[in-house]
Structures are given as structure tokens and as C-alpha cells.
């Protein structure tokens, strides 16, 4: 089990939540806060994926498509590798 130190304002907030009867302990209050943050992160991640899917669907409706071919996939892989290489060189 991890032990953490938190700054006074956060500790006071968690204590007030316990004193108000919302949680049995500071640990339970902290766990709830972390759970909510995890849910928020997951929701943002899902919404991001859904937004990208919507963009793709809009492109299809607008006729912005390409016929699949092995050459197309090869070009995509090649350009992706070049981008990664450029980014890794820029960060050095």
C-alpha cells in the first residue's frame, strides 16, 4: 500500500469531507477523488477517439477517400517512419 503526503489545503478538504459524513476516512475520500480523475481521463480519451471517428465519417461523406492498395499502405508506413525519425532527431 502506498503512503502519500499531501499539502495542507488538500488534507483539510479531505478531512472536511469525512467530517461532513461523506466518507468513512481520508483514505476513502482520496480514493474517490482519484477514481473520479481516472473516470474523467477515460471519458476524455473516449471522446477524443469518437471525435476522430466522426472526422473520418465526415471525410467519407465528403468523398475524401482513397482506394486501398498495398502501395498506399507502404507509403503511409514510410511517411510515418520518416516523421518519427525527424521528431527523434529534433529532440536530440
Foldseek 3Di string as FASTA:
>chain_A
DDDDDDDDVLQVVLVVCVVVVVDVDSVRSVVVVVVVVVVVVVVVVVVVVVVVVVVVVVCVVVVVDDDDDPVVVVVVVVVVVVVVVVVVVVVD
